[in-house]
Amino acid sequence: MTSILRKIVVAGATVVAIAACASARVPVHNYVDVPIAAKTNPTIEQVGRAIVNGSLAAGWQANEVRPGSIVALYKIRSHTAVVDIAYTTKSYNITFKEGDPGLKYDGQAIHQNYNDWVESLERVVRTHVNAL
């Protein structure tokens, strides 16, 4: 009986630890002044198109607000995250704008998965703009 009880306690503690890690909060990672290393001298329109295409390829919905400004939205399961992407022909920024309450954003920290989502977005956007 002791062996079975011990296994149940260990399994329960493991489930609690995994659940705690899954909802851990971390500082929001924004990308600021990421240089564009294009092979040409792209126009602002070309950079905007590359960012929109990169966002779409990364699974985000992206809409250009005006030249130099894009808003991108990511939906996964019950979560929604929105970022602002400001850009020039030389660099871009990806900054947190808003998210659903499940992301537990408090002005500085957010659900740890958000940083993974935005890191993936930045990596794909970088590939697209640097290919110009």
N, C-alpha and C. Protein backbone atom coordinates (compact mmCIF):
# COMPACT_ATOMS: atom_id res chain seq x y z
N MET A 1 0.81 -1.19 0.00
CA MET A 1 0.00 0.00 0.00
C MET A 1 0.86 1.26 0.00
N THR A 2 1.93 1.24 0.74
CA THR A 2 2.80 2.40 0.82
C THR A 2 3.39 2.73 -0.54
N SER A 3 3.77 1.73 -1.30
CA SER A 3 4.35 1.94 -2.63
C SER A 3 3.32 2.58 -3.56
N ILE A 4 2.10 2.13 -3.51
CA ILE A 4 1.05 2.70 -4.37
C ILE A 4 0.76 4.15 -3.96
N LEU A 5 0.66 4.39 -2.67
CA LEU A 5 0.40 5.74 -2.18
C LEU A 5 1.53 6.68 -2.58
N ARG A 6 2.76 6.21 -2.47
CA ARG A 6 3.92 7.03 -2.87
C ARG A 6 3.85 7.38 -4.35
N LYS A 7 3.49 6.42 -5.19
CA LYS A 7 3.38 6.67 -6.63
C LYS A 7 2.29 7.69 -6.93
N ILE A 8 1.19 7.61 -6.21
CA ILE A 8 0.10 8.56 -6.41
C ILE A 8 0.54 9.97 -6.02
N VAL A 9 1.23 10.08 -4.89
CA VAL A 9 1.70 11.39 -4.43
C VAL A 9 2.71 11.97 -5.42
N VAL A 10 3.64 11.15 -5.90
CA VAL A 10 4.64 11.62 -6.85
C VAL A 10 3.96 12.03 -8.16
N ALA A 11 3.02 11.25 -8.63
CA ALA A 11 2.31 11.59 -9.87
C ALA A 11 1.55 12.89 -9.70
N GLY A 12 0.89 13.07 -8.57
CA GLY A 12 0.15 14.30 -8.31
C GLY A 12 1.07 15.51 -8.26
N ALA A 13 2.19 15.37 -7.59
CA ALA A 13 3.15 16.47 -7.51
C ALA A 13 3.71 16.81 -8.89
N THR A 14 3.93 15.81 -9.70
CA THR A 14 4.43 16.03 -11.06
C THR A 14 3.42 16.81 -11.89
N VAL A 15 2.15 16.44 -11.79
CA VAL A 15 1.10 17.13 -12.54
C VAL A 15 1.02 18.60 -12.09
N VAL A 16 1.08 18.84 -10.80
CA VAL A 16 1.03 20.21 -10.28
C VAL A 16 2.24 21.01 -10.77
N ALA A 17 3.43 20.42 -10.74
CA ALA A 17 4.64 21.11 -11.19
C ALA A 17 4.56 21.44 -12.68
N ILE A 18 4.08 20.51 -13.48
CA ILE A 18 3.95 20.76 -14.92
C ILE A 18 2.93 21.86 -15.17
N ALA A 19 1.82 21.84 -14.48
CA ALA A 19 0.80 22.88 -14.64
C ALA A 19 1.34 24.24 -14.24
N ALA A 20 2.12 24.29 -13.17
CA ALA A 20 2.70 25.56 -12.73
C ALA A 20 3.68 26.09 -13.76
N CYS A 21 4.48 25.22 -14.33
CA CYS A 21 5.44 25.66 -15.35
C CYS A 21 4.72 26.13 -16.61
N ALA A 22 3.65 25.47 -16.98
CA ALA A 22 2.93 25.82 -18.20
C ALA A 22 2.31 27.20 -18.12
N SER A 23 2.00 27.66 -16.93
CA SER A 23 1.38 28.98 -16.82
C SER A 23 2.34 30.01 -16.24
N ALA A 24 3.62 29.70 -16.20
CA ALA A 24 4.61 30.62 -15.67
C ALA A 24 4.63 31.90 -16.49
N ARG A 25 4.94 33.00 -15.81
CA ARG A 25 5.03 34.28 -16.50
C ARG A 25 6.48 34.70 -16.56
N VAL A 26 6.81 35.37 -17.65
CA VAL A 26 8.17 35.84 -17.90
C VAL A 26 8.11 37.27 -18.41
N PRO A 27 9.22 38.01 -18.36
CA PRO A 27 9.22 39.36 -18.93
C PRO A 27 8.91 39.31 -20.43
N VAL A 28 8.14 40.27 -20.89
CA VAL A 28 7.78 40.35 -22.31
C VAL A 28 9.04 40.65 -23.12
N HIS A 29 9.23 39.89 -24.19
CA HIS A 29 10.37 40.12 -25.07
C HIS A 29 9.91 40.91 -26.29
N ASN A 30 10.33 42.15 -26.36
CA ASN A 30 10.09 42.97 -27.54
C ASN A 30 11.37 43.00 -28.37
N TYR A 31 11.23 43.15 -29.66
CA TYR A 31 12.38 43.24 -30.56
C TYR A 31 12.49 44.70 -31.00
N VAL A 32 13.62 45.32 -30.72
CA VAL A 32 13.79 46.75 -30.98
C VAL A 32 15.00 46.97 -31.89
N ASP A 33 14.79 47.77 -32.94
CA ASP A 33 15.84 48.13 -33.89
C ASP A 33 16.57 46.92 -34.47
N VAL A 34 15.79 45.93 -34.90
CA VAL A 34 16.37 44.76 -35.56
C VAL A 34 16.82 45.21 -36.95
N PRO A 35 18.10 45.11 -37.26
CA PRO A 35 18.57 45.60 -38.56
C PRO A 35 18.08 44.74 -39.72
N ILE A 36 17.82 45.38 -40.82
CA ILE A 36 17.46 44.68 -42.05
C ILE A 36 18.73 44.57 -42.89
N ALA A 37 19.14 43.35 -43.16
CA ALA A 37 20.38 43.11 -43.91
C ALA A 37 20.04 42.65 -45.33
N ALA A 38 19.23 43.45 -46.01
CA ALA A 38 18.82 43.11 -47.38
C ALA A 38 20.00 43.26 -48.34
N LYS A 39 19.94 42.51 -49.42
CA LYS A 39 21.00 42.56 -50.43
C LYS A 39 20.85 43.78 -51.34
N THR A 40 19.66 44.38 -51.34
CA THR A 40 19.38 45.57 -52.15
C THR A 40 19.01 46.71 -51.20
N ASN A 41 18.61 47.82 -51.76
CA ASN A 41 18.08 48.93 -50.97
C ASN A 41 16.56 48.92 -51.15
N PRO A 42 15.85 48.17 -50.30
CA PRO A 42 14.41 48.02 -50.50
C PRO A 42 13.66 49.31 -50.19
N THR A 43 12.50 49.44 -50.84
CA THR A 43 11.61 50.56 -50.55
C THR A 43 10.81 50.23 -49.29
N ILE A 44 10.18 51.24 -48.73
CA ILE A 44 9.33 51.02 -47.55
C ILE A 44 8.18 50.07 -47.89
N GLU A 45 7.67 50.15 -49.12
CA GLU A 45 6.59 49.26 -49.54
C GLU A 45 7.07 47.81 -49.61
N GLN A 46 8.29 47.60 -50.13
CA GLN A 46 8.84 46.24 -50.21
C GLN A 46 9.06 45.65 -48.81
N VAL A 47 9.56 46.47 -47.90
CA VAL A 47 9.77 45.99 -46.53
C VAL A 47 8.43 45.64 -45.90
N GLY A 48 7.44 46.49 -46.07
CA GLY A 48 6.11 46.21 -45.52
C GLY A 48 5.52 44.92 -46.06
N ARG A 49 5.65 44.71 -47.37
CA ARG A 49 5.15 43.48 -47.99
C ARG A 49 5.89 42.27 -47.44
N ALA A 50 7.20 42.38 -47.29
CA ALA A 50 7.99 41.26 -46.75
C ALA A 50 7.58 40.94 -45.31
N ILE A 51 7.31 41.96 -44.52
CA ILE A 51 6.88 41.74 -43.13
C ILE A 51 5.50 41.08 -43.10
N VAL A 52 4.59 41.56 -43.92
CA VAL A 52 3.25 40.94 -43.97
C VAL A 52 3.37 39.49 -44.41
N ASN A 53 4.14 39.22 -45.46
CA ASN A 53 4.32 37.85 -45.95
C ASN A 53 4.99 36.97 -44.90
N GLY A 54 6.00 37.50 -44.22
CA GLY A 54 6.65 36.74 -43.15
C GLY A 54 5.69 36.45 -42.01
N SER A 55 4.88 37.43 -41.64
CA SER A 55 3.90 37.24 -40.58
C SER A 55 2.92 36.13 -40.94
N LEU A 56 2.41 36.18 -42.17
CA LEU A 56 1.48 35.15 -42.62
C LEU A 56 2.14 33.77 -42.61
N ALA A 57 3.39 33.71 -43.07
CA ALA A 57 4.12 32.43 -43.08
C ALA A 57 4.33 31.89 -41.67
N ALA A 58 4.41 32.77 -40.68
CA ALA A 58 4.60 32.35 -39.29
C ALA A 58 3.27 32.04 -38.59
N GLY A 59 2.16 32.19 -39.32
CA GLY A 59 0.86 31.87 -38.75
C GLY A 59 0.14 33.04 -38.10
N TRP A 60 0.64 34.24 -38.31
CA TRP A 60 0.01 35.44 -37.78
C TRP A 60 -0.83 36.10 -38.86
N GLN A 61 -1.87 36.83 -38.47
CA GLN A 61 -2.63 37.68 -39.39
C GLN A 61 -2.02 39.06 -39.30
N ALA A 62 -1.74 39.67 -40.43
CA ALA A 62 -1.08 40.98 -40.42
C ALA A 62 -1.80 41.96 -41.31
N ASN A 63 -1.93 43.18 -40.81
CA ASN A 63 -2.57 44.25 -41.58
C ASN A 63 -1.72 45.50 -41.49
N GLU A 64 -1.43 46.07 -42.64
CA GLU A 64 -0.67 47.32 -42.66
C GLU A 64 -1.61 48.46 -42.29
N VAL A 65 -1.25 49.20 -41.26
CA VAL A 65 -2.03 50.35 -40.81
C VAL A 65 -1.72 51.54 -41.71
N ARG A 66 -0.43 51.70 -42.01
CA ARG A 66 0.08 52.74 -42.91
C ARG A 66 1.52 52.32 -43.21
N PRO A 67 2.14 52.92 -44.22
CA PRO A 67 3.54 52.58 -44.46
C PRO A 67 4.37 52.82 -43.19
N GLY A 68 5.09 51.79 -42.78
CA GLY A 68 5.90 51.89 -41.58
C GLY A 68 5.24 51.32 -40.34
N SER A 69 3.99 50.83 -40.45
CA SER A 69 3.27 50.33 -39.28
C SER A 69 2.33 49.18 -39.65
N ILE A 70 2.54 48.05 -38.99
CA ILE A 70 1.72 46.86 -39.20
C ILE A 70 1.24 46.37 -37.84
N VAL A 71 0.02 45.87 -37.80
CA VAL A 71 -0.50 45.21 -36.61
C VAL A 71 -0.67 43.73 -36.97
N ALA A 72 -0.13 42.85 -36.12
CA ALA A 72 -0.23 41.41 -36.38
C ALA A 72 -0.92 40.73 -35.20
N LEU A 73 -1.74 39.74 -35.51
CA LEU A 73 -2.54 39.03 -34.51
C LEU A 73 -2.27 37.54 -34.62
N TYR A 74 -2.13 36.90 -33.46
CA TYR A 74 -1.89 35.46 -33.42
C TYR A 74 -2.95 34.83 -32.54
N LYS A 75 -3.60 33.78 -33.04
CA LYS A 75 -4.60 33.05 -32.27
C LYS A 75 -4.16 31.59 -32.19
N ILE A 76 -4.13 31.09 -30.97
CA ILE A 76 -3.83 29.67 -30.76
C ILE A 76 -4.66 29.19 -29.58
N ARG A 77 -5.36 28.12 -29.78
CA ARG A 77 -6.28 27.60 -28.77
C ARG A 77 -7.16 28.74 -28.27
N SER A 78 -7.12 29.02 -26.97
CA SER A 78 -7.97 30.09 -26.41
C SER A 78 -7.22 31.41 -26.29
N HIS A 79 -6.00 31.48 -26.78
CA HIS A 79 -5.18 32.68 -26.61
C HIS A 79 -5.13 33.54 -27.87
N THR A 80 -5.06 34.85 -27.64
CA THR A 80 -4.89 35.82 -28.72
C THR A 80 -3.83 36.82 -28.29
N ALA A 81 -2.88 37.08 -29.17
CA ALA A 81 -1.84 38.08 -28.91
C ALA A 81 -1.78 39.02 -30.10
N VAL A 82 -1.56 40.31 -29.82
CA VAL A 82 -1.46 41.32 -30.86
C VAL A 82 -0.16 42.09 -30.66
N VAL A 83 0.57 42.30 -31.76
CA VAL A 83 1.82 43.07 -31.70
C VAL A 83 1.77 44.20 -32.71
N ASP A 84 2.52 45.25 -32.41
CA ASP A 84 2.77 46.33 -33.36
C ASP A 84 4.11 46.06 -34.00
N ILE A 85 4.19 46.24 -35.31
CA ILE A 85 5.46 46.12 -36.02
C ILE A 85 5.71 47.45 -36.71
N ALA A 86 6.65 48.20 -36.19
CA ALA A 86 7.05 49.48 -36.79
C ALA A 86 8.32 49.20 -37.59
N TYR A 87 8.42 49.81 -38.78
CA TYR A 87 9.57 49.51 -39.62
C TYR A 87 9.97 50.68 -40.50
N THR A 88 11.23 50.64 -40.88
CA THR A 88 11.78 51.56 -41.88
C THR A 88 12.46 50.68 -42.92
N THR A 89 13.22 51.28 -43.80
CA THR A 89 13.96 50.47 -44.77
C THR A 89 15.23 49.89 -44.16
N LYS A 90 15.55 50.29 -42.94
CA LYS A 90 16.79 49.85 -42.29
C LYS A 90 16.59 48.92 -41.09
N SER A 91 15.43 49.00 -40.43
CA SER A 91 15.21 48.18 -39.23
C SER A 91 13.71 48.05 -38.93
N TYR A 92 13.40 47.20 -37.95
CA TYR A 92 12.02 47.04 -37.52
C TYR A 92 11.96 46.74 -36.03
N ASN A 93 10.80 46.99 -35.46
CA ASN A 93 10.51 46.69 -34.05
C ASN A 93 9.26 45.82 -34.00
N ILE A 94 9.25 44.86 -33.11
CA ILE A 94 8.05 44.08 -32.84
C ILE A 94 7.78 44.24 -31.35
N THR A 95 6.65 44.87 -31.00
CA THR A 95 6.34 45.14 -29.60
C THR A 95 4.94 44.65 -29.25
N PHE A 96 4.81 44.16 -28.04
CA PHE A 96 3.52 43.68 -27.54
C PHE A 96 2.53 44.82 -27.52
N LYS A 97 1.32 44.55 -28.01
CA LYS A 97 0.26 45.56 -27.99
C LYS A 97 -0.83 45.17 -27.00
N GLU A 98 -1.36 43.95 -27.15
CA GLU A 98 -2.41 43.49 -26.25
C GLU A 98 -2.58 41.99 -26.38
N GLY A 99 -3.26 41.42 -25.39
CA GLY A 99 -3.52 39.99 -25.42
C GLY A 99 -4.75 39.67 -24.60
N ASP A 100 -5.22 38.46 -24.75
CA ASP A 100 -6.40 38.05 -23.99
C ASP A 100 -6.03 37.88 -22.51
N PRO A 101 -7.02 37.86 -21.63
CA PRO A 101 -6.73 37.76 -20.20
C PRO A 101 -5.92 36.50 -19.81
N GLY A 102 -6.05 35.44 -20.59
CA GLY A 102 -5.32 34.20 -20.30
C GLY A 102 -3.81 34.36 -20.40
N LEU A 103 -3.34 35.40 -21.10
CA LEU A 103 -1.90 35.64 -21.19
C LEU A 103 -1.36 36.30 -19.93
N LYS A 104 -2.24 36.77 -19.07
CA LYS A 104 -1.88 37.32 -17.75
C LYS A 104 -0.83 38.43 -17.83
N TYR A 105 -0.96 39.28 -18.82
CA TYR A 105 -0.03 40.40 -18.97
C TYR A 105 -0.29 41.43 -17.88
N ASP A 106 0.76 41.86 -17.19
CA ASP A 106 0.61 42.82 -16.10
C ASP A 106 1.38 44.12 -16.35
N GLY A 107 1.77 44.36 -17.58
CA GLY A 107 2.55 45.55 -17.90
C GLY A 107 4.03 45.25 -18.08
N GLN A 108 4.47 44.11 -17.57
CA GLN A 108 5.87 43.71 -17.71
C GLN A 108 6.03 42.22 -18.02
N ALA A 109 5.25 41.38 -17.36
CA ALA A 109 5.39 39.93 -17.53
C ALA A 109 4.16 39.37 -18.23
N ILE A 110 4.35 38.22 -18.85
CA ILE A 110 3.30 37.59 -19.65
C ILE A 110 3.49 36.08 -19.63
N HIS A 111 2.48 35.35 -20.03
CA HIS A 111 2.55 33.88 -20.14
C HIS A 111 3.78 33.52 -20.98
N GLN A 112 4.54 32.55 -20.51
CA GLN A 112 5.82 32.22 -21.16
C GLN A 112 5.69 31.83 -22.63
N ASN A 113 4.57 31.30 -23.06
CA ASN A 113 4.42 30.89 -24.45
C ASN A 113 4.42 32.07 -25.40
N TYR A 114 4.00 33.24 -24.94
CA TYR A 114 3.97 34.42 -25.81
C TYR A 114 5.35 34.67 -26.42
N ASN A 115 6.39 34.63 -25.61
CA ASN A 115 7.74 34.90 -26.12
C ASN A 115 8.14 33.90 -27.20
N ASP A 116 7.71 32.66 -27.07
CA ASP A 116 8.00 31.66 -28.12
C ASP A 116 7.29 32.04 -29.42
N TRP A 117 6.04 32.48 -29.31
CA TRP A 117 5.27 32.84 -30.50
C TRP A 117 5.91 34.02 -31.22
N VAL A 118 6.28 35.05 -30.45
CA VAL A 118 6.84 36.25 -31.06
C VAL A 118 8.26 36.00 -31.56
N GLU A 119 8.99 35.10 -30.92
CA GLU A 119 10.33 34.75 -31.41
C GLU A 119 10.23 34.07 -32.77
N SER A 120 9.26 33.20 -32.91
CA SER A 120 9.04 32.54 -34.20
C SER A 120 8.65 33.57 -35.26
N LEU A 121 7.77 34.49 -34.90
CA LEU A 121 7.38 35.56 -35.82
C LEU A 121 8.59 36.36 -36.26
N GLU A 122 9.41 36.78 -35.33
CA GLU A 122 10.58 37.60 -35.65
C GLU A 122 11.54 36.85 -36.57
N ARG A 123 11.76 35.58 -36.30
CA ARG A 123 12.69 34.78 -37.11
C ARG A 123 12.22 34.69 -38.57
N VAL A 124 10.92 34.46 -38.77
CA VAL A 124 10.40 34.33 -40.13
C VAL A 124 10.37 35.70 -40.83
N VAL A 125 10.00 36.75 -40.10
CA VAL A 125 10.02 38.09 -40.68
C VAL A 125 11.44 38.45 -41.10
N ARG A 126 12.41 38.17 -40.23
CA ARG A 126 13.82 38.48 -40.54
C ARG A 126 14.24 37.79 -41.83
N THR A 127 13.87 36.54 -42.00
CA THR A 127 14.20 35.80 -43.22
C THR A 127 13.60 36.48 -44.45
N HIS A 128 12.35 36.93 -44.34
CA HIS A 128 11.70 37.57 -45.48
C HIS A 128 12.31 38.93 -45.81
N VAL A 129 12.57 39.76 -44.82
CA VAL A 129 13.10 41.10 -45.14
C VAL A 129 14.56 41.02 -45.59
N ASN A 130 15.30 40.08 -45.05
CA ASN A 130 16.71 39.97 -45.46
C ASN A 130 16.85 39.37 -46.85
N ALA A 131 15.79 38.76 -47.36
CA ALA A 131 15.82 38.20 -48.71
C ALA A 131 15.56 39.25 -49.79
N LEU A 132 15.24 40.46 -49.38
CA LEU A 132 14.96 41.53 -50.35
C LEU A 132 16.22 41.93 -51.10
